Amino acid sequence: MSDRTAPALARLDELLPLVKDLPPSQEHDQLVGETEALQRAVGAFHMEAIRFRMYSVDRLIKSLGDPTEVRRTFEELRHALESAGFHTRSHA
C-alpha cells in the first residue's frame, strides 16, 4: 500500500462488507468476487485491472437495483481512485 492507494483501499474496506451483506443471488456472488479482485488490483497498483474491475463492479451494483449505501461507497471509491490519478472509466 502507498499513500496514493490508501484512501481507495479504505473505501474498499467499507464497500466489501456492504456488498457481502446484500441478499444472496448469482449476481451477489459475482459482485463479491469482483470487489475482492478490485481490492487486489488497487493493492497491486494495476491500472488496467482497476479500470476493468471498476466497470464490472459498477455494472453488478446496477444489476442488483443500485443499493443506496453500496452506490454511495462505490462512488467515494471512484473519487478516491480518480483523485490519486487512476482512470476508472474507459470513456471520458
PDB file of N, CA and C in Angstrom:
ATOM      1  N   MET A   1       0.844  -1.180   0.000  1.00  0.00           N
ATOM      2  CA  MET A   1       0.000   0.000   0.000  1.00  0.00           C
ATOM      3  C   MET A   1       0.884   1.236   0.000  1.00  0.00           C
ATOM      4  N   SER A   2       0.444   2.230  -0.728  1.00  0.00           N
ATOM      5  CA  SER A   2       1.159   3.503  -0.753  1.00  0.00           C
ATOM      6  C   SER A   2       0.221   4.598  -0.277  1.00  0.00           C
ATOM      7  N   ASP A   3       0.780   5.790  -0.088  1.00  0.00           N
ATOM      8  CA  ASP A   3      -0.058   6.932   0.279  1.00  0.00           C
ATOM      9  C   ASP A   3      -1.093   7.200  -0.803  1.00  0.00           C
ATOM     10  N   ARG A   4      -0.734   6.868  -2.028  1.00  0.00           N
ATOM     11  CA  ARG A   4      -1.618   7.110  -3.166  1.00  0.00           C
ATOM     12  C   ARG A   4      -2.835   6.185  -3.162  1.00  0.00           C
ATOM     13  N   THR A   5      -2.659   4.952  -2.727  1.00  0.00           N
ATOM     14  CA  THR A   5      -3.764   3.991  -2.750  1.00  0.00           C
ATOM     15  C   THR A   5      -4.482   3.853  -1.412  1.00  0.00           C
ATOM     16  N   ALA A   6      -3.930   4.377  -0.348  1.00  0.00           N
ATOM     17  CA  ALA A   6      -4.513   4.208   0.987  1.00  0.00           C
ATOM     18  C   ALA A   6      -5.976   4.659   1.070  1.00  0.00           C
ATOM     19  N   PRO A   7      -6.359   5.847   0.551  1.00  0.00           N
ATOM     20  CA  PRO A   7      -7.772   6.238   0.632  1.00  0.00           C
ATOM     21  C   PRO A   7      -8.699   5.288  -0.124  1.00  0.00           C
ATOM     22  N   ALA A   8      -8.264   4.810  -1.280  1.00  0.00           N
ATOM     23  CA  ALA A   8      -9.085   3.883  -2.056  1.00  0.00           C
ATOM     24  C   ALA A   8      -9.225   2.548  -1.331  1.00  0.00           C
ATOM     25  N   LEU A   9      -8.153   2.059  -0.754  1.00  0.00           N
ATOM     26  CA  LEU A   9      -8.224   0.802  -0.007  1.00  0.00           C
ATOM     27  C   LEU A   9      -9.119   0.948   1.220  1.00  0.00           C
ATOM     28  N   ALA A  10      -9.121   2.121   1.836  1.00  0.00           N
ATOM     29  CA  ALA A  10     -10.020   2.366   2.974  1.00  0.00           C
ATOM     30  C   ALA A  10     -11.476   2.316   2.519  1.00  0.00           C
ATOM     31  N   ARG A  11     -11.775   2.897   1.351  1.00  0.00           N
ATOM     32  CA  ARG A  11     -13.140   2.833   0.808  1.00  0.00           C
ATOM     33  C   ARG A  11     -13.527   1.385   0.490  1.00  0.00           C
ATOM     34  N   LEU A  12     -12.569   0.623  -0.049  1.00  0.00           N
ATOM     35  CA  LEU A  12     -12.838  -0.794  -0.341  1.00  0.00           C
ATOM     36  C   LEU A  12     -13.103  -1.579   0.942  1.00  0.00           C
ATOM     37  N   ASP A  13     -12.406  -1.216   2.022  1.00  0.00           N
ATOM     38  CA  ASP A  13     -12.652  -1.863   3.308  1.00  0.00           C
ATOM     39  C   ASP A  13     -14.062  -1.572   3.814  1.00  0.00           C
ATOM     40  N   GLU A  14     -14.645  -0.453   3.399  1.00  0.00           N
ATOM     41  CA  GLU A  14     -16.029  -0.131   3.739  1.00  0.00           C
ATOM     42  C   GLU A  14     -16.998  -0.820   2.777  1.00  0.00           C
ATOM     43  N   LEU A  15     -16.625  -0.865   1.490  1.00  0.00           N
ATOM     44  CA  LEU A  15     -17.516  -1.397   0.456  1.00  0.00           C
ATOM     45  C   LEU A  15     -17.710  -2.910   0.572  1.00  0.00           C
ATOM     46  N   LEU A  16     -16.655  -3.636   0.819  1.00  0.00           N
ATOM     47  CA  LEU A  16     -16.744  -5.098   0.797  1.00  0.00           C
ATOM     48  C   LEU A  16     -17.762  -5.655   1.806  1.00  0.00           C
ATOM     49  N   PRO A  17     -17.786  -5.200   3.056  1.00  0.00           N
ATOM     50  CA  PRO A  17     -18.819  -5.713   3.974  1.00  0.00           C
ATOM     51  C   PRO A  17     -20.238  -5.351   3.531  1.00  0.00           C
ATOM     52  N   LEU A  18     -20.404  -4.168   2.949  1.00  0.00           N
ATOM     53  CA  LEU A  18     -21.727  -3.784   2.441  1.00  0.00           C
ATOM     54  C   LEU A  18     -22.168  -4.727   1.329  1.00  0.00           C
ATOM     55  N   VAL A  19     -21.242  -5.050   0.455  1.00  0.00           N
ATOM     56  CA  VAL A  19     -21.529  -5.956  -0.654  1.00  0.00           C
ATOM     57  C   VAL A  19     -21.861  -7.347  -0.122  1.00  0.00           C
ATOM     58  N   LYS A  20     -21.089  -7.815   0.831  1.00  0.00           N
ATOM     59  CA  LYS A  20     -21.313  -9.155   1.378  1.00  0.00           C
ATOM     60  C   LYS A  20     -22.649  -9.264   2.110  1.00  0.00           C
ATOM     61  N   ASP A  21     -23.160  -8.140   2.624  1.00  0.00           N
ATOM     62  CA  ASP A  21     -24.431  -8.143   3.352  1.00  0.00           C
ATOM     63  C   ASP A  21     -25.660  -8.083   2.444  1.00  0.00           C
ATOM     64  N   LEU A  22     -25.468  -7.916   1.143  1.00  0.00           N
ATOM     65  CA  LEU A  22     -26.601  -7.885   0.223  1.00  0.00           C
ATOM     66  C   LEU A  22     -27.242  -9.267   0.147  1.00  0.00           C
ATOM     67  N   PRO A  23     -28.519  -9.330  -0.224  1.00  0.00           N
ATOM     68  CA  PRO A  23     -29.199 -10.631  -0.324  1.00  0.00           C
ATOM     69  C   PRO A  23     -28.505 -11.554  -1.322  1.00  0.00           C
ATOM     70  N   PRO A  24     -28.476 -12.851  -1.019  1.00  0.00           N
ATOM     71  CA  PRO A  24     -27.800 -13.807  -1.903  1.00  0.00           C
ATOM     72  C   PRO A  24     -28.471 -13.923  -3.276  1.00  0.00           C
ATOM     73  N   SER A  25     -27.631 -14.042  -4.285  1.00  0.00           N
ATOM     74  CA  SER A  25     -28.076 -14.260  -5.663  1.00  0.00           C
ATOM     75  C   SER A  25     -26.816 -14.577  -6.474  1.00  0.00           C
ATOM     76  N   GLN A  26     -27.013 -14.981  -7.719  1.00  0.00           N
ATOM     77  CA  GLN A  26     -25.858 -15.235  -8.573  1.00  0.00           C
ATOM     78  C   GLN A  26     -25.061 -13.949  -8.779  1.00  0.00           C
ATOM     79  N   GLU A  27     -25.760 -12.827  -9.002  1.00  0.00           N
ATOM     80  CA  GLU A  27     -25.087 -11.548  -9.185  1.00  0.00           C
ATOM     81  C   GLU A  27     -24.335 -11.141  -7.918  1.00  0.00           C
ATOM     82  N   HIS A  28     -24.916 -11.472  -6.760  1.00  0.00           N
ATOM     83  CA  HIS A  28     -24.263 -11.143  -5.485  1.00  0.00           C
ATOM     84  C   HIS A  28     -22.915 -11.853  -5.393  1.00  0.00           C
ATOM     85  N   ASP A  29     -22.900 -13.142  -5.720  1.00  0.00           N
ATOM     86  CA  ASP A  29     -21.645 -13.894  -5.668  1.00  0.00           C
ATOM     87  C   ASP A  29     -20.613 -13.308  -6.622  1.00  0.00           C
ATOM     88  N   GLN A  30     -21.047 -12.919  -7.809  1.00  0.00           N
ATOM     89  CA  GLN A  30     -20.143 -12.291  -8.773  1.00  0.00           C
ATOM     90  C   GLN A  30     -19.630 -10.961  -8.231  1.00  0.00           C
ATOM     91  N   LEU A  31     -20.530 -10.169  -7.638  1.00  0.00           N
ATOM     92  CA  LEU A  31     -20.145  -8.863  -7.105  1.00  0.00           C
ATOM     93  C   LEU A  31     -19.111  -9.005  -5.996  1.00  0.00           C
ATOM     94  N   VAL A  32     -19.293  -9.966  -5.119  1.00  0.00           N
ATOM     95  CA  VAL A  32     -18.308 -10.190  -4.057  1.00  0.00           C
ATOM     96  C   VAL A  32     -16.950 -10.525  -4.682  1.00  0.00           C
ATOM     97  N   GLY A  33     -16.947 -11.429  -5.653  1.00  0.00           N
ATOM     98  CA  GLY A  33     -15.693 -11.820  -6.306  1.00  0.00           C
ATOM     99  C   GLY A  33     -15.025 -10.661  -7.029  1.00  0.00           C
ATOM    100  N   GLU A  34     -15.812  -9.864  -7.744  1.00  0.00           N
ATOM    101  CA  GLU A  34     -15.255  -8.716  -8.477  1.00  0.00           C
ATOM    102  C   GLU A  34     -14.742  -7.647  -7.512  1.00  0.00           C
ATOM    103  N   THR A  35     -15.440  -7.438  -6.407  1.00  0.00           N
ATOM    104  CA  THR A  35     -14.998  -6.439  -5.423  1.00  0.00           C
ATOM    105  C   THR A  35     -13.688  -6.883  -4.768  1.00  0.00           C
ATOM    106  N   GLU A  36     -13.577  -8.162  -4.467  1.00  0.00           N
ATOM    107  CA  GLU A  36     -12.323  -8.679  -3.915  1.00  0.00           C
ATOM    108  C   GLU A  36     -11.189  -8.565  -4.935  1.00  0.00           C
ATOM    109  N   ALA A  37     -11.489  -8.829  -6.215  1.00  0.00           N
ATOM    110  CA  ALA A  37     -10.475  -8.691  -7.269  1.00  0.00           C
ATOM    111  C   ALA A  37     -10.069  -7.223  -7.433  1.00  0.00           C
ATOM    112  N   LEU A  38     -11.029  -6.312  -7.288  1.00  0.00           N
ATOM    113  CA  LEU A  38     -10.725  -4.884  -7.360  1.00  0.00           C
ATOM    114  C   LEU A  38      -9.793  -4.487  -6.215  1.00  0.00           C
ATOM    115  N   GLN A  39     -10.046  -5.020  -5.046  1.00  0.00           N
ATOM    116  CA  GLN A  39      -9.191  -4.723  -3.895  1.00  0.00           C
ATOM    117  C   GLN A  39      -7.751  -5.178  -4.170  1.00  0.00           C
ATOM    118  N   ARG A  40      -7.596  -6.352  -4.758  1.00  0.00           N
ATOM    119  CA  ARG A  40      -6.258  -6.842  -5.096  1.00  0.00           C
ATOM    120  C   ARG A  40      -5.616  -5.964  -6.167  1.00  0.00           C
ATOM    121  N   ALA A  41      -6.400  -5.532  -7.158  1.00  0.00           N
ATOM    122  CA  ALA A  41      -5.871  -4.692  -8.242  1.00  0.00           C
ATOM    123  C   ALA A  41      -5.375  -3.354  -7.698  1.00  0.00           C
ATOM    124  N   VAL A  42      -6.148  -2.755  -6.794  1.00  0.00           N
ATOM    125  CA  VAL A  42      -5.732  -1.479  -6.199  1.00  0.00           C
ATOM    126  C   VAL A  42      -4.472  -1.690  -5.376  1.00  0.00           C
ATOM    127  N   GLY A  43      -4.433  -2.744  -4.595  1.00  0.00           N
ATOM    128  CA  GLY A  43      -3.257  -3.040  -3.785  1.00  0.00           C
ATOM    129  C   GLY A  43      -2.010  -3.260  -4.626  1.00  0.00           C
ATOM    130  N   ALA A  44      -2.209  -3.816  -5.840  1.00  0.00           N
ATOM    131  CA  ALA A  44      -1.089  -4.087  -6.739  1.00  0.00           C
ATOM    132  C   ALA A  44      -0.767  -2.911  -7.660  1.00  0.00           C
ATOM    133  N   PHE A  45      -1.585  -1.837  -7.590  1.00  0.00           N
ATOM    134  CA  PHE A  45      -1.342  -0.649  -8.419  1.00  0.00           C
ATOM    135  C   PHE A  45      -1.489  -0.981  -9.904  1.00  0.00           C
ATOM    136  N   HIS A  46      -2.381  -1.897 -10.239  1.00  0.00           N
ATOM    137  CA  HIS A  46      -2.541  -2.379 -11.612  1.00  0.00           C
ATOM    138  C   HIS A  46      -3.630  -1.563 -12.303  1.00  0.00           C
ATOM    139  N   MET A  47      -3.217  -0.546 -13.056  1.00  0.00           N
ATOM    140  CA  MET A  47      -4.163   0.420 -13.619  1.00  0.00           C
ATOM    141  C   MET A  47      -5.207  -0.207 -14.539  1.00  0.00           C
ATOM    142  N   GLU A  48      -4.786  -1.085 -15.423  1.00  0.00           N
ATOM    143  CA  GLU A  48      -5.745  -1.694 -16.353  1.00  0.00           C
ATOM    144  C   GLU A  48      -6.751  -2.559 -15.598  1.00  0.00           C
ATOM    145  N   ALA A  49      -6.288  -3.313 -14.628  1.00  0.00           N
ATOM    146  CA  ALA A  49      -7.182  -4.158 -13.839  1.00  0.00           C
ATOM    147  C   ALA A  49      -8.148  -3.308 -13.018  1.00  0.00           C
ATOM    148  N   ILE A  50      -7.685  -2.186 -12.507  1.00  0.00           N
ATOM    149  CA  ILE A  50      -8.563  -1.298 -11.742  1.00  0.00           C
ATOM    150  C   ILE A  50      -9.708  -0.819 -12.620  1.00  0.00           C
ATOM    151  N   ARG A  51      -9.397  -0.350 -13.813  1.00  0.00           N
ATOM    152  CA  ARG A  51     -10.446   0.152 -14.715  1.00  0.00           C
ATOM    153  C   ARG A  51     -11.435  -0.967 -15.057  1.00  0.00           C
ATOM    154  N   PHE A  52     -10.935  -2.144 -15.381  1.00  0.00           N
ATOM    155  CA  PHE A  52     -11.795  -3.276 -15.732  1.00  0.00           C
ATOM    156  C   PHE A  52     -12.679  -3.675 -14.552  1.00  0.00           C
ATOM    157  N   ARG A  53     -12.091  -3.805 -13.380  1.00  0.00           N
ATOM    158  CA  ARG A  53     -12.864  -4.227 -12.199  1.00  0.00           C
ATOM    159  C   ARG A  53     -13.866  -3.158 -11.766  1.00  0.00           C
ATOM    160  N   MET A  54     -13.505  -1.885 -11.898  1.00  0.00           N
ATOM    161  CA  MET A  54     -14.456  -0.818 -11.575  1.00  0.00           C
ATOM    162  C   MET A  54     -15.686  -0.925 -12.474  1.00  0.00           C
ATOM    163  N   TYR A  55     -15.461  -1.167 -13.751  1.00  0.00           N
ATOM    164  CA  TYR A  55     -16.574  -1.324 -14.686  1.00  0.00           C
ATOM    165  C   TYR A  55     -17.451  -2.505 -14.258  1.00  0.00           C
ATOM    166  N   SER A  56     -16.823  -3.626 -13.947  1.00  0.00           N
ATOM    167  CA  SER A  56     -17.571  -4.835 -13.581  1.00  0.00           C
ATOM    168  C   SER A  56     -18.360  -4.641 -12.291  1.00  0.00           C
ATOM    169  N   VAL A  57     -17.738  -4.049 -11.283  1.00  0.00           N
ATOM    170  CA  VAL A  57     -18.426  -3.819 -10.014  1.00  0.00           C
ATOM    171  C   VAL A  57     -19.580  -2.839 -10.217  1.00  0.00           C
ATOM    172  N   ASP A  58     -19.366  -1.788 -10.967  1.00  0.00           N
ATOM    173  CA  ASP A  58     -20.419  -0.816 -11.250  1.00  0.00           C
ATOM    174  C   ASP A  58     -21.613  -1.490 -11.919  1.00  0.00           C
ATOM    175  N   ARG A  59     -21.350  -2.302 -12.928  1.00  0.00           N
ATOM    176  CA  ARG A  59     -22.409  -2.997 -13.662  1.00  0.00           C
ATOM    177  C   ARG A  59     -23.191  -3.936 -12.743  1.00  0.00           C
ATOM    178  N   LEU A  60     -22.487  -4.659 -11.884  1.00  0.00           N
ATOM    179  CA  LEU A  60     -23.154  -5.594 -10.981  1.00  0.00           C
ATOM    180  C   LEU A  60     -23.959  -4.871  -9.894  1.00  0.00           C
ATOM    181  N   ILE A  61     -23.462  -3.752  -9.409  1.00  0.00           N
ATOM    182  CA  ILE A  61     -24.237  -2.969  -8.440  1.00  0.00           C
ATOM    183  C   ILE A  61     -25.554  -2.534  -9.078  1.00  0.00           C
ATOM    184  N   LYS A  62     -25.489  -2.059 -10.322  1.00  0.00           N
ATOM    185  CA  LYS A  62     -26.711  -1.667 -11.033  1.00  0.00           C
ATOM    186  C   LYS A  62     -27.657  -2.841 -11.195  1.00  0.00           C
ATOM    187  N   SER A  63     -27.123  -4.024 -11.496  1.00  0.00           N
ATOM    188  CA  SER A  63     -27.979  -5.202 -11.715  1.00  0.00           C
ATOM    189  C   SER A  63     -28.690  -5.639 -10.439  1.00  0.00           C
ATOM    190  N   LEU A  64     -28.173  -5.239  -9.288  1.00  0.00           N
ATOM    191  CA  LEU A  64     -28.798  -5.575  -8.004  1.00  0.00           C
ATOM    192  C   LEU A  64     -29.721  -4.462  -7.510  1.00  0.00           C
ATOM    193  N   GLY A  65     -30.064  -3.531  -8.375  1.00  0.00           N
ATOM    194  CA  GLY A  65     -31.004  -2.470  -8.017  1.00  0.00           C
ATOM    195  C   GLY A  65     -30.363  -1.214  -7.468  1.00  0.00           C
ATOM    196  N   ASP A  66     -29.045  -1.111  -7.583  1.00  0.00           N
ATOM    197  CA  ASP A  66     -28.315   0.093  -7.153  1.00  0.00           C
ATOM    198  C   ASP A  66     -28.578   0.440  -5.685  1.00  0.00           C
ATOM    199  N   PRO A  67     -28.277  -0.490  -4.752  1.00  0.00           N
ATOM    200  CA  PRO A  67     -28.491  -0.196  -3.325  1.00  0.00           C
ATOM    201  C   PRO A  67     -27.784   1.104  -2.918  1.00  0.00           C
ATOM    202  N   THR A  68     -28.500   1.973  -2.252  1.00  0.00           N
ATOM    203  CA  THR A  68     -28.041   3.332  -1.968  1.00  0.00           C
ATOM    204  C   THR A  68     -26.687   3.387  -1.261  1.00  0.00           C
ATOM    205  N   GLU A  69     -26.533   2.670  -0.163  1.00  0.00           N
ATOM    206  CA  GLU A  69     -25.290   2.741   0.609  1.00  0.00           C
ATOM    207  C   GLU A  69     -24.120   2.148  -0.171  1.00  0.00           C
ATOM    208  N   VAL A  70     -24.390   1.082  -0.904  1.00  0.00           N
ATOM    209  CA  VAL A  70     -23.350   0.468  -1.733  1.00  0.00           C
ATOM    210  C   VAL A  70     -22.937   1.445  -2.837  1.00  0.00           C
ATOM    211  N   ARG A  71     -23.901   2.067  -3.491  1.00  0.00           N
ATOM    212  CA  ARG A  71     -23.614   3.034  -4.564  1.00  0.00           C
ATOM    213  C   ARG A  71     -22.814   4.207  -4.024  1.00  0.00           C
ATOM    214  N   ARG A  72     -23.220   4.742  -2.876  1.00  0.00           N
ATOM    215  CA  ARG A  72     -22.522   5.900  -2.297  1.00  0.00           C
ATOM    216  C   ARG A  72     -21.061   5.543  -2.005  1.00  0.00           C
ATOM    217  N   THR A  73     -20.841   4.397  -1.400  1.00  0.00           N
ATOM    218  CA  THR A  73     -19.482   3.985  -1.055  1.00  0.00           C
ATOM    219  C   THR A  73     -18.666   3.713  -2.315  1.00  0.00           C
ATOM    220  N   PHE A  74     -19.297   3.113  -3.324  1.00  0.00           N
ATOM    221  CA  PHE A  74     -18.609   2.868  -4.593  1.00  0.00           C
ATOM    222  C   PHE A  74     -18.190   4.188  -5.235  1.00  0.00           C
ATOM    223  N   GLU A  75     -19.057   5.181  -5.227  1.00  0.00           N
ATOM    224  CA  GLU A  75     -18.719   6.478  -5.821  1.00  0.00           C
ATOM    225  C   GLU A  75     -17.616   7.182  -5.027  1.00  0.00           C
ATOM    226  N   GLU A  76     -17.589   6.995  -3.710  1.00  0.00           N
ATOM    227  CA  GLU A  76     -16.477   7.526  -2.912  1.00  0.00           C
ATOM    228  C   GLU A  76     -15.175   6.834  -3.287  1.00  0.00           C
ATOM    229  N   LEU A  77     -15.253   5.539  -3.546  1.00  0.00           N
ATOM    230  CA  LEU A  77     -14.085   4.790  -4.010  1.00  0.00           C
ATOM    231  C   LEU A  77     -13.619   5.331  -5.353  1.00  0.00           C
ATOM    232  N   ARG A  78     -14.549   5.526  -6.276  1.00  0.00           N
ATOM    233  CA  ARG A  78     -14.205   6.069  -7.598  1.00  0.00           C
ATOM    234  C   ARG A  78     -13.501   7.420  -7.448  1.00  0.00           C
ATOM    235  N   HIS A  79     -14.035   8.273  -6.595  1.00  0.00           N
ATOM    236  CA  HIS A  79     -13.439   9.592  -6.377  1.00  0.00           C
ATOM    237  C   HIS A  79     -12.019   9.467  -5.807  1.00  0.00           C
ATOM    238  N   ALA A  80     -11.844   8.555  -4.844  1.00  0.00           N
ATOM    239  CA  ALA A  80     -10.514   8.364  -4.243  1.00  0.00           C
ATOM    240  C   ALA A  80      -9.518   7.884  -5.301  1.00  0.00           C
ATOM    241  N   LEU A  81      -9.936   6.963  -6.156  1.00  0.00           N
ATOM    242  CA  LEU A  81      -9.042   6.463  -7.205  1.00  0.00           C
ATOM    243  C   LEU A  81      -8.723   7.552  -8.227  1.00  0.00           C
ATOM    244  N   GLU A  82      -9.737   8.290  -8.655  1.00  0.00           N
ATOM    245  CA  GLU A  82      -9.506   9.341  -9.656  1.00  0.00           C
ATOM    246  C   GLU A  82      -8.659  10.465  -9.075  1.00  0.00           C
ATOM    247  N   SER A  83      -8.841  10.774  -7.805  1.00  0.00           N
ATOM    248  CA  SER A  83      -8.016  11.799  -7.155  1.00  0.00           C
ATOM    249  C   SER A  83      -6.553  11.365  -7.085  1.00  0.00           C
ATOM    250  N   ALA A  84      -6.332  10.058  -7.033  1.00  0.00           N
ATOM    251  CA  ALA A  84      -4.966   9.529  -6.984  1.00  0.00           C
ATOM    252  C   ALA A  84      -4.365   9.365  -8.378  1.00  0.00           C
ATOM    253  N   GLY A  85      -5.144   9.697  -9.411  1.00  0.00           N
ATOM    254  CA  GLY A  85      -4.623   9.633 -10.772  1.00  0.00           C
ATOM    255  C   GLY A  85      -4.967   8.377 -11.543  1.00  0.00           C
ATOM    256  N   PHE A  86      -5.812   7.514 -10.982  1.00  0.00           N
ATOM    257  CA  PHE A  86      -6.221   6.298 -11.682  1.00  0.00           C
ATOM    258  C   PHE A  86      -7.412   6.597 -12.584  1.00  0.00           C
ATOM    259  N   HIS A  87      -7.422   6.006 -13.749  1.00  0.00           N
ATOM    260  CA  HIS A  87      -8.563   6.114 -14.652  1.00  0.00           C
ATOM    261  C   HIS A  87      -9.516   4.978 -14.328  1.00  0.00           C
ATOM    262  N   THR A  88     -10.761   5.328 -13.991  1.00  0.00           N
ATOM    263  CA  THR A  88     -11.724   4.305 -13.587  1.00  0.00           C
ATOM    264  C   THR A  88     -12.799   4.073 -14.634  1.00  0.00           C
ATOM    265  N   ARG A  89     -12.725   4.794 -15.718  1.00  0.00           N
ATOM    266  CA  ARG A  89     -13.713   4.647 -16.790  1.00  0.00           C
ATOM    267  C   ARG A  89     -12.972   4.513 -18.116  1.00  0.00           C
ATOM    268  N   SER A  90     -13.592   3.791 -19.028  1.00  0.00           N
ATOM    269  CA  SER A  90     -12.940   3.605 -20.330  1.00  0.00           C
ATOM    270  C   SER A  90     -13.264   4.733 -21.280  1.00  0.00           C
ATOM    271  N   HIS A  91     -14.152   5.648 -20.862  1.00  0.00           N
ATOM    272  CA  HIS A  91     -14.505   6.794 -21.694  1.00  0.00           C
ATOM    273  C   HIS A  91     -14.450   8.063 -20.844  1.00  0.00           C
ATOM    274  N   ALA A  92     -14.425   9.190 -21.508  1.00  0.00           N
ATOM    275  CA  ALA A  92     -14.318  10.475 -20.795  1.00  0.00           C
ATOM    276  C   ALA A  92     -15.617  10.880 -20.180  1.00  0.00           C
TER     277      ALA A  92
END
